[in-house]
PDB file of N, CA and C in Angstrom:
ATOM      1  N   MET A   1     143.801  92.299  98.878  1.00  0.00           N
ATOM      2  CA  MET A   1     142.416  92.717  98.972  1.00  0.00           C
ATOM      3  C   MET A   1     141.896  92.930  97.550  1.00  0.00           C
ATOM      4  N   SER A   2     140.754  92.347  97.247  1.00  0.00           N
ATOM      5  CA  SER A   2     140.183  92.480  95.906  1.00  0.00           C
ATOM      6  C   SER A   2     139.461  93.817  95.770  1.00  0.00           C
ATOM      7  N   ALA A   3     139.131  94.179  94.543  1.00  0.00           N
ATOM      8  CA  ALA A   3     138.455  95.452  94.286  1.00  0.00           C
ATOM      9  C   ALA A   3     137.065  95.471  94.914  1.00  0.00           C
ATOM     10  N   GLY A   4     136.376  94.331  94.895  1.00  0.00           N
ATOM     11  CA  GLY A   4     135.043  94.260  95.487  1.00  0.00           C
ATOM     12  C   GLY A   4     135.071  94.464  96.989  1.00  0.00           C
ATOM     13  N   GLU A   5     136.068  93.858  97.654  1.00  0.00           N
ATOM     14  CA  GLU A   5     136.188  94.037  99.104  1.00  0.00           C
ATOM     15  C   GLU A   5     136.532  95.476  99.444  1.00  0.00           C
ATOM     16  N   LEU A   6     137.387  96.088  98.614  1.00  0.00           N
ATOM     17  CA  LEU A   6     137.775  97.467  98.860  1.00  0.00           C
ATOM     18  C   LEU A   6     136.574  98.407  98.734  1.00  0.00           C
ATOM     19  N   LEU A   7     135.737  98.189  97.729  1.00  0.00           N
ATOM     20  CA  LEU A   7     134.565  99.044  97.542  1.00  0.00           C
ATOM     21  C   LEU A   7     133.512  98.847  98.622  1.00  0.00           C
ATOM     22  N   ARG A   8     133.480  97.654  99.234  1.00  0.00           N
ATOM     23  CA  ARG A   8     132.499  97.392 100.285  1.00  0.00           C
ATOM     24  C   ARG A   8     132.963  97.849 101.662  1.00  0.00           C
ATOM     25  N   SER A   9     134.213  98.261 101.799  1.00  0.00           N
ATOM     26  CA  SER A   9     134.709  98.641 103.120  1.00  0.00           C
ATOM     27  C   SER A   9     134.040  99.946 103.572  1.00  0.00           C
ATOM     28  N   PRO A  10     133.716 100.057 104.865  1.00  0.00           N
ATOM     29  CA  PRO A  10     133.029 101.249 105.379  1.00  0.00           C
ATOM     30  C   PRO A  10     133.818 102.537 105.178  1.00  0.00           C
ATOM     31  N   ALA A  11     135.138 102.481 105.252  1.00  0.00           N
ATOM     32  CA  ALA A  11     135.942 103.694 105.095  1.00  0.00           C
ATOM     33  C   ALA A  11     135.807 104.261 103.688  1.00  0.00           C
ATOM     34  N   VAL A  12     135.832 103.394 102.690  1.00  0.00           N
ATOM     35  CA  VAL A  12     135.701 103.853 101.309  1.00  0.00           C
ATOM     36  C   VAL A  12     134.291 104.385 101.068  1.00  0.00           C
ATOM     37  N   ARG A  13     133.294 103.702 101.575  1.00  0.00           N
ATOM     38  CA  ARG A  13     131.912 104.149 101.382  1.00  0.00           C
ATOM     39  C   ARG A  13     131.665 105.480 102.081  1.00  0.00           C
ATOM     40  N   ARG A  14     132.238 105.657 103.274  1.00  0.00           N
ATOM     41  CA  ARG A  14     132.071 106.904 104.007  1.00  0.00           C
ATOM     42  C   ARG A  14     132.751 108.047 103.256  1.00  0.00           C
ATOM     43  N   ALA A  15     133.936 107.805 102.721  1.00  0.00           N
ATOM     44  CA  ALA A  15     134.665 108.833 101.977  1.00  0.00           C
ATOM     45  C   ALA A  15     133.938 109.200 100.688  1.00  0.00           C
ATOM     46  N   ALA A  16     133.282 108.250 100.078  1.00  0.00           N
ATOM     47  CA  ALA A  16     132.552 108.504  98.835  1.00  0.00           C
ATOM     48  C   ALA A  16     131.170 109.106  99.094  1.00  0.00           C
ATOM     49  N   GLY A  17     130.772 109.192 100.345  1.00  0.00           N
ATOM     50  CA  GLY A  17     129.466 109.756 100.681  1.00  0.00           C
ATOM     51  C   GLY A  17     128.340 108.759 100.546  1.00  0.00           C
ATOM     52  N   GLY A  18     128.646 107.484 100.478  1.00  0.00           N
ATOM     53  CA  GLY A  18     127.622 106.455 100.328  1.00  0.00           C
ATOM     54  C   GLY A  18     126.992 106.090 101.655  1.00  0.00           C
ATOM     55  N   GLU A  19     125.963 105.289 101.574  1.00  0.00           N
ATOM     56  CA  GLU A  19     125.266 104.821 102.767  1.00  0.00           C
ATOM     57  C   GLU A  19     126.134 103.822 103.512  1.00  0.00           C
ATOM     58  N   LEU A  20     126.104 103.901 104.820  1.00  0.00           N
ATOM     59  CA  LEU A  20     126.775 102.894 105.624  1.00  0.00           C
ATOM     60  C   LEU A  20     125.842 101.711 105.789  1.00  0.00           C
ATOM     61  N   SER A  21     126.360 100.685 106.388  1.00  0.00           N
ATOM     62  CA  SER A  21     125.560  99.474 106.523  1.00  0.00           C
ATOM     63  C   SER A  21     124.318  99.744 107.365  1.00  0.00           C
ATOM     64  N   GLY A  22     123.311  98.973 107.130  1.00  0.00           N
ATOM     65  CA  GLY A  22     122.055  99.098 107.851  1.00  0.00           C
ATOM     66  C   GLY A  22     121.006  98.300 107.121  1.00  0.00           C
ATOM     67  N   SER A  23     119.889  98.153 107.766  1.00  0.00           N
ATOM     68  CA  SER A  23     118.826  97.385 107.134  1.00  0.00           C
ATOM     69  C   SER A  23     118.220  98.180 105.980  1.00  0.00           C
ATOM     70  N   LEU A  24     117.484  97.482 105.176  1.00  0.00           N
ATOM     71  CA  LEU A  24     116.814  98.122 104.045  1.00  0.00           C
ATOM     72  C   LEU A  24     115.834  99.188 104.528  1.00  0.00           C
ATOM     73  N   TRP A  25     115.121  98.916 105.621  1.00  0.00           N
ATOM     74  CA  TRP A  25     114.163  99.878 106.168  1.00  0.00           C
ATOM     75  C   TRP A  25     114.873 101.128 106.683  1.00  0.00           C
ATOM     76  N   ARG A  26     116.030 100.954 107.307  1.00  0.00           N
ATOM     77  CA  ARG A  26     116.775 102.095 107.833  1.00  0.00           C
ATOM     78  C   ARG A  26     117.277 102.981 106.690  1.00  0.00           C
ATOM     79  N   GLN A  27     117.782 102.357 105.644  1.00  0.00           N
ATOM     80  CA  GLN A  27     118.255 103.122 104.493  1.00  0.00           C
ATOM     81  C   GLN A  27     117.101 103.852 103.811  1.00  0.00           C
ATOM     82  N   ALA A  28     115.967 103.180 103.683  1.00  0.00           N
ATOM     83  CA  ALA A  28     114.798 103.822 103.073  1.00  0.00           C
ATOM     84  C   ALA A  28     114.322 104.991 103.932  1.00  0.00           C
ATOM     85  N   GLY A  29     114.355 104.830 105.246  1.00  0.00           N
ATOM     86  CA  GLY A  29     113.960 105.910 106.150  1.00  0.00           C
ATOM     87  C   GLY A  29     114.875 107.112 106.033  1.00  0.00           C
ATOM     88  N   ARG A  30     116.189 106.871 105.921  1.00  0.00           N
ATOM     89  CA  ARG A  30     117.130 107.978 105.752  1.00  0.00           C
ATOM     90  C   ARG A  30     116.865 108.735 104.456  1.00  0.00           C
ATOM     91  N   ARG A  31     116.667 107.990 103.380  1.00  0.00           N
ATOM     92  CA  ARG A  31     116.395 108.637 102.094  1.00  0.00           C
ATOM     93  C   ARG A  31     115.074 109.398 102.137  1.00  0.00           C
ATOM     94  N   PHE A  32     114.089 108.850 102.811  1.00  0.00           N
ATOM     95  CA  PHE A  32     112.783 109.508 102.918  1.00  0.00           C
ATOM     96  C   PHE A  32     112.901 110.813 103.695  1.00  0.00           C
ATOM     97  N   ARG A  33     113.634 110.801 104.801  1.00  0.00           N
ATOM     98  CA  ARG A  33     113.782 112.008 105.618  1.00  0.00           C
ATOM     99  C   ARG A  33     114.562 113.101 104.894  1.00  0.00           C
ATOM    100  N   ARG A  34     115.429 112.737 103.963  1.00  0.00           N
ATOM    101  CA  ARG A  34     116.180 113.733 103.200  1.00  0.00           C
ATOM    102  C   ARG A  34     115.367 114.334 102.061  1.00  0.00           C
ATOM    103  N   ASN A  35     114.287 113.706 101.682  1.00  0.00           N
ATOM    104  CA  ASN A  35     113.458 114.175 100.575  1.00  0.00           C
ATOM    105  C   ASN A  35     112.485 115.234 101.096  1.00  0.00           C
ATOM    106  N   ARG A  36     112.673 116.482 100.664  1.00  0.00           N
ATOM    107  CA  ARG A  36     111.848 117.584 101.174  1.00  0.00           C
ATOM    108  C   ARG A  36     110.383 117.450 100.770  1.00  0.00           C
ATOM    109  N   ALA A  37     110.144 117.001  99.552  1.00  0.00           N
ATOM    110  CA  ALA A  37     108.756 116.847  99.099  1.00  0.00           C
ATOM    111  C   ALA A  37     108.034 115.785  99.924  1.00  0.00           C
ATOM    112  N   ALA A  38     108.726 114.707 100.242  1.00  0.00           N
ATOM    113  CA  ALA A  38     108.111 113.650 101.047  1.00  0.00           C
ATOM    114  C   ALA A  38     107.802 114.146 102.457  1.00  0.00           C
ATOM    115  N   MET A  39     108.721 114.884 103.052  1.00  0.00           N
ATOM    116  CA  MET A  39     108.489 115.392 104.401  1.00  0.00           C
ATOM    117  C   MET A  39     107.367 116.436 104.408  1.00  0.00           C
ATOM    118  N   GLY A  40     107.298 117.261 103.369  1.00  0.00           N
ATOM    119  CA  GLY A  40     106.198 118.218 103.262  1.00  0.00           C
ATOM    120  C   GLY A  40     104.859 117.519 103.120  1.00  0.00           C
ATOM    121  N   SER A  41     104.839 116.437 102.347  1.00  0.00           N
ATOM    122  CA  SER A  41     103.602 115.668 102.168  1.00  0.00           C
ATOM    123  C   SER A  41     103.153 115.035 103.474  1.00  0.00           C
ATOM    124  N   ILE A  42     104.097 114.530 104.247  1.00  0.00           N
ATOM    125  CA  ILE A  42     103.761 113.961 105.561  1.00  0.00           C
ATOM    126  C   ILE A  42     103.176 115.047 106.460  1.00  0.00           C
ATOM    127  N   GLY A  43     103.747 116.240 106.415  1.00  0.00           N
ATOM    128  CA  GLY A  43     103.222 117.348 107.209  1.00  0.00           C
ATOM    129  C   GLY A  43     101.792 117.703 106.835  1.00  0.00           C
ATOM    130  N   VAL A  44     101.519 117.765 105.533  1.00  0.00           N
ATOM    131  CA  VAL A  44     100.161 118.075 105.066  1.00  0.00           C
ATOM    132  C   VAL A  44      99.193 116.978 105.493  1.00  0.00           C
ATOM    133  N   LEU A  45      99.602 115.717 105.360  1.00  0.00           N
ATOM    134  CA  LEU A  45      98.737 114.607 105.780  1.00  0.00           C
ATOM    135  C   LEU A  45      98.446 114.653 107.277  1.00  0.00           C
ATOM    136  N   LEU A  46      99.439 115.014 108.077  1.00  0.00           N
ATOM    137  CA  LEU A  46      99.216 115.121 109.524  1.00  0.00           C
ATOM    138  C   LEU A  46      98.227 116.243 109.855  1.00  0.00           C
ATOM    139  N   VAL A  47      98.334 117.367 109.155  1.00  0.00           N
ATOM    140  CA  VAL A  47      97.397 118.472 109.388  1.00  0.00           C
ATOM    141  C   VAL A  47      95.976 118.048 109.015  1.00  0.00           C
ATOM    142  N   ILE A  48      95.829 117.373 107.871  1.00  0.00           N
ATOM    143  CA  ILE A  48      94.505 116.907 107.444  1.00  0.00           C
ATOM    144  C   ILE A  48      93.955 115.879 108.429  1.00  0.00           C
ATOM    145  N   ALA A  49      94.810 114.968 108.894  1.00  0.00           N
ATOM    146  CA  ALA A  49      94.359 113.950 109.843  1.00  0.00           C
ATOM    147  C   ALA A  49      93.928 114.587 111.161  1.00  0.00           C
ATOM    148  N   LEU A  50      94.713 115.536 111.665  1.00  0.00           N
ATOM    149  CA  LEU A  50      94.329 116.213 112.909  1.00  0.00           C
ATOM    150  C   LEU A  50      93.030 116.995 112.737  1.00  0.00           C
ATOM    151  N   ALA A  51      92.879 117.677 111.607  1.00  0.00           N
ATOM    152  CA  ALA A  51      91.641 118.420 111.359  1.00  0.00           C
ATOM    153  C   ALA A  51      90.454 117.470 111.266  1.00  0.00           C
ATOM    154  N   SER A  52      90.647 116.314 110.636  1.00  0.00           N
ATOM    155  CA  SER A  52      89.548 115.351 110.494  1.00  0.00           C
ATOM    156  C   SER A  52      89.123 114.769 111.832  1.00  0.00           C
ATOM    157  N   VAL A  53      90.038 114.705 112.767  1.00  0.00           N
ATOM    158  CA  VAL A  53      89.706 114.164 114.086  1.00  0.00           C
ATOM    159  C   VAL A  53      89.153 115.258 115.002  1.00  0.00           C
ATOM    160  N   LEU A  54      89.774 116.432 114.987  1.00  0.00           N
ATOM    161  CA  LEU A  54      89.424 117.460 115.964  1.00  0.00           C
ATOM    162  C   LEU A  54      88.229 118.327 115.568  1.00  0.00           C
ATOM    163  N   ILE A  55      88.093 118.675 114.301  1.00  0.00           N
ATOM    164  CA  ILE A  55      87.006 119.580 113.904  1.00  0.00           C
ATOM    165  C   ILE A  55      85.630 118.983 114.184  1.00  0.00           C
ATOM    166  N   PRO A  56      85.339 117.726 113.790  1.00  0.00           N
ATOM    167  CA  PRO A  56      84.005 117.199 114.130  1.00  0.00           C
ATOM    168  C   PRO A  56      83.756 117.102 115.636  1.00  0.00           C
ATOM    169  N   ALA A  57      84.808 116.958 116.424  1.00  0.00           N
ATOM    170  CA  ALA A  57      84.627 116.835 117.871  1.00  0.00           C
ATOM    171  C   ALA A  57      84.306 118.175 118.530  1.00  0.00           C
ATOM    172  N   PHE A  58      84.844 119.273 118.005  1.00  0.00           N
ATOM    173  CA  PHE A  58      84.706 120.565 118.672  1.00  0.00           C
ATOM    174  C   PHE A  58      83.860 121.578 117.907  1.00  0.00           C
ATOM    175  N   TRP A  59      83.328 121.219 116.761  1.00  0.00           N
ATOM    176  CA  TRP A  59      82.521 122.152 115.967  1.00  0.00           C
ATOM    177  C   TRP A  59      81.147 122.307 116.609  1.00  0.00           C
ATOM    178  N   PRO A  60      80.550 123.504 116.564  1.00  0.00           N
ATOM    179  CA  PRO A  60      79.254 123.692 117.231  1.00  0.00           C
ATOM    180  C   PRO A  60      78.102 122.894 116.617  1.00  0.00           C
ATOM    181  N   HIS A  61      78.229 122.473 115.360  1.00  0.00           N
ATOM    182  CA  HIS A  61      77.182 121.682 114.713  1.00  0.00           C
ATOM    183  C   HIS A  61      77.672 120.244 114.578  1.00  0.00           C
ATOM    184  N   ALA A  62      76.874 119.291 115.022  1.00  0.00           N
ATOM    185  CA  ALA A  62      77.243 117.877 114.903  1.00  0.00           C
ATOM    186  C   ALA A  62      76.998 117.392 113.479  1.00  0.00           C
ATOM    187  N   VAL A  63      77.598 116.259 113.147  1.00  0.00           N
ATOM    188  CA  VAL A  63      77.483 115.707 111.794  1.00  0.00           C
ATOM    189  C   VAL A  63      76.037 115.379 111.456  1.00  0.00           C
ATOM    190  N   GLU A  64      75.306 114.810 112.387  1.00  0.00           N
ATOM    191  CA  GLU A  64      73.941 114.351 112.096  1.00  0.00           C
ATOM    192  C   GLU A  64      72.860 115.369 112.449  1.00  0.00           C
ATOM    193  N   ASP A  65      73.234 116.564 112.918  1.00  0.00           N
ATOM    194  CA  ASP A  65      72.238 117.596 113.239  1.00  0.00           C
ATOM    195  C   ASP A  65      71.554 118.097 111.972  1.00  0.00           C
ATOM    196  N   ALA A  66      70.253 117.911 111.895  1.00  0.00           N
ATOM    197  CA  ALA A  66      69.460 118.417 110.773  1.00  0.00           C
ATOM    198  C   ALA A  66      68.494 119.466 111.308  1.00  0.00           C
ATOM    199  N   SER A  67      68.353 120.542 110.566  1.00  0.00           N
ATOM    200  CA  SER A  67      67.493 121.632 111.008  1.00  0.00           C
ATOM    201  C   SER A  67      66.673 122.139 109.826  1.00  0.00           C
ATOM    202  N   TRP A  68      65.353 122.182 109.987  1.00  0.00           N
ATOM    203  CA  TRP A  68      64.477 122.627 108.904  1.00  0.00           C
ATOM    204  C   TRP A  68      64.689 124.095 108.572  1.00  0.00           C
ATOM    205  N   GLU A  69      65.059 124.902 109.549  1.00  0.00           N
ATOM    206  CA  GLU A  69      65.255 126.328 109.260  1.00  0.00           C
ATOM    207  C   GLU A  69      66.611 126.623 108.615  1.00  0.00           C
ATOM    208  N   ASN A  70      67.491 125.616 108.527  1.00  0.00           N
ATOM    209  CA  ASN A  70      68.809 125.820 107.926  1.00  0.00           C
ATOM    210  C   ASN A  70      68.972 125.103 106.587  1.00  0.00           C
ATOM    211  N   ILE A  71      67.890 124.802 105.909  1.00  0.00           N
ATOM    212  CA  ILE A  71      67.969 124.065 104.642  1.00  0.00           C
ATOM    213  C   ILE A  71      68.564 124.955 103.551  1.00  0.00           C
ATOM    214  N   LEU A  72      69.590 124.436 102.875  1.00  0.00           N
ATOM    215  CA  LEU A  72      70.245 125.064 101.721  1.00  0.00           C
ATOM    216  C   LEU A  72      70.697 126.496 101.983  1.00  0.00           C
ATOM    217  N   LEU A  73      71.267 126.734 103.152  1.00  0.00           N
ATOM    218  CA  LEU A  73      71.821 128.053 103.453  1.00  0.00           C
ATOM    219  C   LEU A  73      73.134 128.238 102.694  1.00  0.00           C
ATOM    220  N   PRO A  74      73.419 129.458 102.252  1.00  0.00           N
ATOM    221  CA  PRO A  74      74.713 129.707 101.610  1.00  0.00           C
ATOM    222  C   PRO A  74      75.821 129.738 102.668  1.00  0.00           C
ATOM    223  N   PRO A  75      77.077 129.678 102.242  1.00  0.00           N
ATOM    224  CA  PRO A  75      78.180 129.765 103.206  1.00  0.00           C
ATOM    225  C   PRO A  75      78.109 131.060 104.015  1.00  0.00           C
ATOM    226  N   SER A  76      78.345 130.944 105.319  1.00  0.00           N
ATOM    227  CA  SER A  76      78.256 132.100 106.201  1.00  0.00           C
ATOM    228  C   SER A  76      79.154 131.880 107.411  1.00  0.00           C
ATOM    229  N   PHE A  77      79.898 132.926 107.786  1.00  0.00           N
ATOM    230  CA  PHE A  77      80.729 132.852 108.984  1.00  0.00           C
ATOM    231  C   PHE A  77      79.938 133.233 110.232  1.00  0.00           C
ATOM    232  N   GLU A  78      78.820 133.917 110.057  1.00  0.00           N
ATOM    233  CA  GLU A  78      78.040 134.393 111.192  1.00  0.00           C
ATOM    234  C   GLU A  78      77.394 133.258 111.976  1.00  0.00           C
ATOM    235  N   ASN A  79      76.838 132.277 111.273  1.00  0.00           N
ATOM    236  CA  ASN A  79      76.159 131.181 111.973  1.00  0.00           C
ATOM    237  C   ASN A  79      76.959 129.874 111.916  1.00  0.00           C
ATOM    238  N   TRP A  80      78.251 129.969 111.643  1.00  0.00           N
ATOM    239  CA  TRP A  80      79.175 128.834 111.652  1.00  0.00           C
ATOM    240  C   TRP A  80      78.862 127.784 110.588  1.00  0.00           C
ATOM    241  N   HIS A  81      78.261 128.162 109.493  1.00  0.00           N
ATOM    242  CA  HIS A  81      78.061 127.257 108.356  1.00  0.00           C
ATOM    243  C   HIS A  81      79.015 127.709 107.248  1.00  0.00           C
ATOM    244  N   TRP A  82      80.302 127.409 107.402  1.00  0.00           N
ATOM    245  CA  TRP A  82      81.334 127.947 106.519  1.00  0.00           C
ATOM    246  C   TRP A  82      81.201 127.452 105.083  1.00  0.00           C
ATOM    247  N   PHE A  83      80.687 126.227 104.873  1.00  0.00           N
ATOM    248  CA  PHE A  83      80.459 125.703 103.519  1.00  0.00           C
ATOM    249  C   PHE A  83      78.973 125.670 103.180  1.00  0.00           C
ATOM    250  N   GLY A  84      78.140 126.241 104.021  1.00  0.00           N
ATOM    251  CA  GLY A  84      76.697 126.215 103.809  1.00  0.00           C
ATOM    252  C   GLY A  84      76.080 124.944 104.375  1.00  0.00           C
ATOM    253  N   THR A  85      74.816 124.710 104.016  1.00  0.00           N
ATOM    254  CA  THR A  85      74.114 123.511 104.481  1.00  0.00           C
ATOM    255  C   THR A  85      73.523 122.775 103.287  1.00  0.00           C
ATOM    256  N   ASP A  86      73.172 121.510 103.500  1.00  0.00           N
ATOM    257  CA  ASP A  86      72.605 120.699 102.417  1.00  0.00           C
ATOM    258  C   ASP A  86      71.077 120.746 102.459  1.00  0.00           C
ATOM    259  N   ALA A  87      70.441 119.887 101.659  1.00  0.00           N
ATOM    260  CA  ALA A  87      68.977 119.867 101.553  1.00  0.00           C
ATOM    261  C   ALA A  87      68.304 119.391 102.834  1.00  0.00           C
ATOM    262  N   ASN A  88      69.059 118.793 103.745  1.00  0.00           N
ATOM    263  CA  ASN A  88      68.500 118.359 105.028  1.00  0.00           C
ATOM    264  C   ASN A  88      68.859 119.309 106.166  1.00  0.00           C
ATOM    265  N   GLY A  89      69.536 120.419 105.862  1.00  0.00           N
ATOM    266  CA  GLY A  89      69.904 121.391 106.886  1.00  0.00           C
ATOM    267  C   GLY A  89      71.148 121.016 107.668  1.00  0.00           C
ATOM    268  N   ARG A  90      71.942 120.084 107.169  1.00  0.00           N
ATOM    269  CA  ARG A  90      73.159 119.662 107.870  1.00  0.00           C
ATOM    270  C   ARG A  90      74.344 120.517 107.431  1.00  0.00           C
ATOM    271  N   ASP A  91      75.236 120.808 108.365  1.00  0.00           N
ATOM    272  CA  ASP A  91      76.411 121.635 108.103  1.00  0.00           C
ATOM    273  C   ASP A  91      77.402 120.886 107.205  1.00  0.00           C
ATOM    274  N   GLN A  92      77.786 121.502 106.085  1.00  0.00           N
ATOM    275  CA  GLN A  92      78.675 120.844 105.129  1.00  0.00           C
ATOM    276  C   GLN A  92      80.133 120.831 105.587  1.00  0.00           C
ATOM    277  N   PHE A  93      80.571 121.852 106.310  1.00  0.00           N
ATOM    278  CA  PHE A  93      81.964 121.929 106.758  1.00  0.00           C
ATOM    279  C   PHE A  93      82.325 120.744 107.646  1.00  0.00           C
ATOM    280  N   VAL A  94      81.505 120.464 108.630  1.00  0.00           N
ATOM    281  CA  VAL A  94      81.800 119.354 109.536  1.00  0.00           C
ATOM    282  C   VAL A  94      81.652 118.016 108.815  1.00  0.00           C
ATOM    283  N   ARG A  95      80.761 117.946 107.840  1.00  0.00           N
ATOM    284  CA  ARG A  95      80.580 116.703 107.085  1.00  0.00           C
ATOM    285  C   ARG A  95      81.783 116.414 106.185  1.00  0.00           C
ATOM    286  N   VAL A  96      82.422 117.456 105.659  1.00  0.00           N
ATOM    287  CA  VAL A  96      83.627 117.258 104.843  1.00  0.00           C
ATOM    288  C   VAL A  96      84.734 116.631 105.689  1.00  0.00           C
ATOM    289  N   PHE A  97      84.941 117.144 106.884  1.00  0.00           N
ATOM    290  CA  PHE A  97      86.003 116.604 107.726  1.00  0.00           C
ATOM    291  C   PHE A  97      85.644 115.245 108.310  1.00  0.00           C
ATOM    292  N   TYR A  98      84.371 114.996 108.531  1.00  0.00           N
ATOM    293  CA  TYR A  98      83.954 113.660 108.962  1.00  0.00           C
ATOM    294  C   TYR A  98      84.198 112.654 107.838  1.00  0.00           C
ATOM    295  N   GLY A  99      83.908 113.039 106.611  1.00  0.00           N
ATOM    296  CA  GLY A  99      84.207 112.187 105.459  1.00  0.00           C
ATOM    297  C   GLY A  99      85.700 111.986 105.284  1.00  0.00           C
ATOM    298  N   GLY A 100      86.488 113.007 105.613  1.00  0.00           N
ATOM    299  CA  GLY A 100      87.944 112.872 105.562  1.00  0.00           C
ATOM    300  C   GLY A 100      88.446 111.833 106.537  1.00  0.00           C
ATOM    301  N   ARG A 101      87.815 111.730 107.686  1.00  0.00           N
ATOM    302  CA  ARG A 101      88.187 110.711 108.669  1.00  0.00           C
ATOM    303  C   ARG A 101      87.954 109.316 108.103  1.00  0.00           C
ATOM    304  N   ILE A 102      86.829 109.130 107.430  1.00  0.00           N
ATOM    305  CA  ILE A 102      86.521 107.833 106.818  1.00  0.00           C
ATOM    306  C   ILE A 102      87.520 107.528 105.701  1.00  0.00           C
ATOM    307  N   SER A 103      87.818 108.518 104.864  1.00  0.00           N
ATOM    308  CA  SER A 103      88.761 108.324 103.762  1.00  0.00           C
ATOM    309  C   SER A 103      90.159 107.994 104.267  1.00  0.00           C
ATOM    310  N   LEU A 104      90.610 108.679 105.311  1.00  0.00           N
ATOM    311  CA  LEU A 104      91.933 108.390 105.868  1.00  0.00           C
ATOM    312  C   LEU A 104      91.988 106.995 106.476  1.00  0.00           C
ATOM    313  N   THR A 105      90.912 106.555 107.103  1.00  0.00           N
ATOM    314  CA  THR A 105      90.872 105.202 107.664  1.00  0.00           C
ATOM    315  C   THR A 105      90.963 104.157 106.561  1.00  0.00           C
ATOM    316  N   ILE A 106      90.231 104.357 105.477  1.00  0.00           N
ATOM    317  CA  ILE A 106      90.289 103.415 104.356  1.00  0.00           C
ATOM    318  C   ILE A 106      91.688 103.400 103.750  1.00  0.00           C
ATOM    319  N   GLY A 107      92.296 104.566 103.569  1.00  0.00           N
ATOM    320  CA  GLY A 107      93.652 104.638 103.024  1.00  0.00           C
ATOM    321  C   GLY A 107      94.669 103.962 103.915  1.00  0.00           C
ATOM    322  N   LEU A 108      94.551 104.147 105.224  1.00  0.00           N
ATOM    323  CA  LEU A 108      95.478 103.514 106.164  1.00  0.00           C
ATOM    324  C   LEU A 108      95.321 101.999 106.156  1.00  0.00           C
ATOM    325  N   MET A 109      94.088 101.517 106.159  1.00  0.00           N
ATOM    326  CA  MET A 109      93.862 100.067 106.130  1.00  0.00           C
ATOM    327  C   MET A 109      94.374  99.454 104.831  1.00  0.00           C
ATOM    328  N   THR A 110      94.163 100.134 103.713  1.00  0.00           N
ATOM    329  CA  THR A 110      94.654  99.639 102.426  1.00  0.00           C
ATOM    330  C   THR A 110      96.176  99.569 102.420  1.00  0.00           C
ATOM    331  N   THR A 111      96.823 100.585 102.971  1.00  0.00           N
ATOM    332  CA  THR A 111      98.283 100.592 103.041  1.00  0.00           C
ATOM    333  C   THR A 111      98.792  99.466 103.925  1.00  0.00           C
ATOM    334  N   LEU A 112      98.146  99.233 105.052  1.00  0.00           N
ATOM    335  CA  LEU A 112      98.575  98.150 105.942  1.00  0.00           C
ATOM    336  C   LEU A 112      98.405  96.784 105.288  1.00  0.00           C
ATOM    337  N   VAL A 113      97.319  96.593 104.553  1.00  0.00           N
ATOM    338  CA  VAL A 113      97.120  95.327 103.836  1.00  0.00           C
ATOM    339  C   VAL A 113      98.196  95.161 102.767  1.00  0.00           C
ATOM    340  N   ALA A 114      98.503  96.233 102.028  1.00  0.00           N
ATOM    341  CA  ALA A 114      99.531  96.160 100.986  1.00  0.00           C
ATOM    342  C   ALA A 114     100.901  95.869 101.589  1.00  0.00           C
ATOM    343  N   LEU A 115     101.212  96.467 102.738  1.00  0.00           N
ATOM    344  CA  LEU A 115     102.486  96.176 103.403  1.00  0.00           C
ATOM    345  C   LEU A 115     102.533  94.738 103.901  1.00  0.00           C
ATOM    346  N   GLY A 116     101.402  94.250 104.374  1.00  0.00           N
ATOM    347  CA  GLY A 116     101.351  92.865 104.852  1.00  0.00           C
ATOM    348  C   GLY A 116     101.530  91.855 103.733  1.00  0.00           C
ATOM    349  N   ILE A 117     100.961  92.146 102.582  1.00  0.00           N
ATOM    350  CA  ILE A 117     101.085  91.238 101.441  1.00  0.00           C
ATOM    351  C   ILE A 117     102.500  91.290 100.875  1.00  0.00           C
ATOM    352  N   GLY A 118     103.065  92.474 100.854  1.00  0.00           N
ATOM    353  CA  GLY A 118     104.445  92.607 100.372  1.00  0.00           C
ATOM    354  C   GLY A 118     104.451  93.177  99.037  1.00  0.00           C
TER     355      GLY A 118
END
């Protein structure tokens, strides 16, 4: 048995703590799951994505609601304008998360195109 064959054997790799055989994607997935920073980042992205989808759907003020009596209000918890309102009386909090939905969609599409190209 040559040295190269010995180093490639599963028993030697397992004893040395190396990766066992598998596809490149499987090995990358294992390394990704072991990386705490990567898993934390995925968690934060999931929270942002869920907030971007759910907050505009359940918030009392719609994205396109404009009100003349609510023009340029400061942030307030009493009337549910947590980030205040803009010059058209629209709620800024719901608009931030609606914009986040658009940004996440663009990022996802860009990533899919990059993966497709290689």
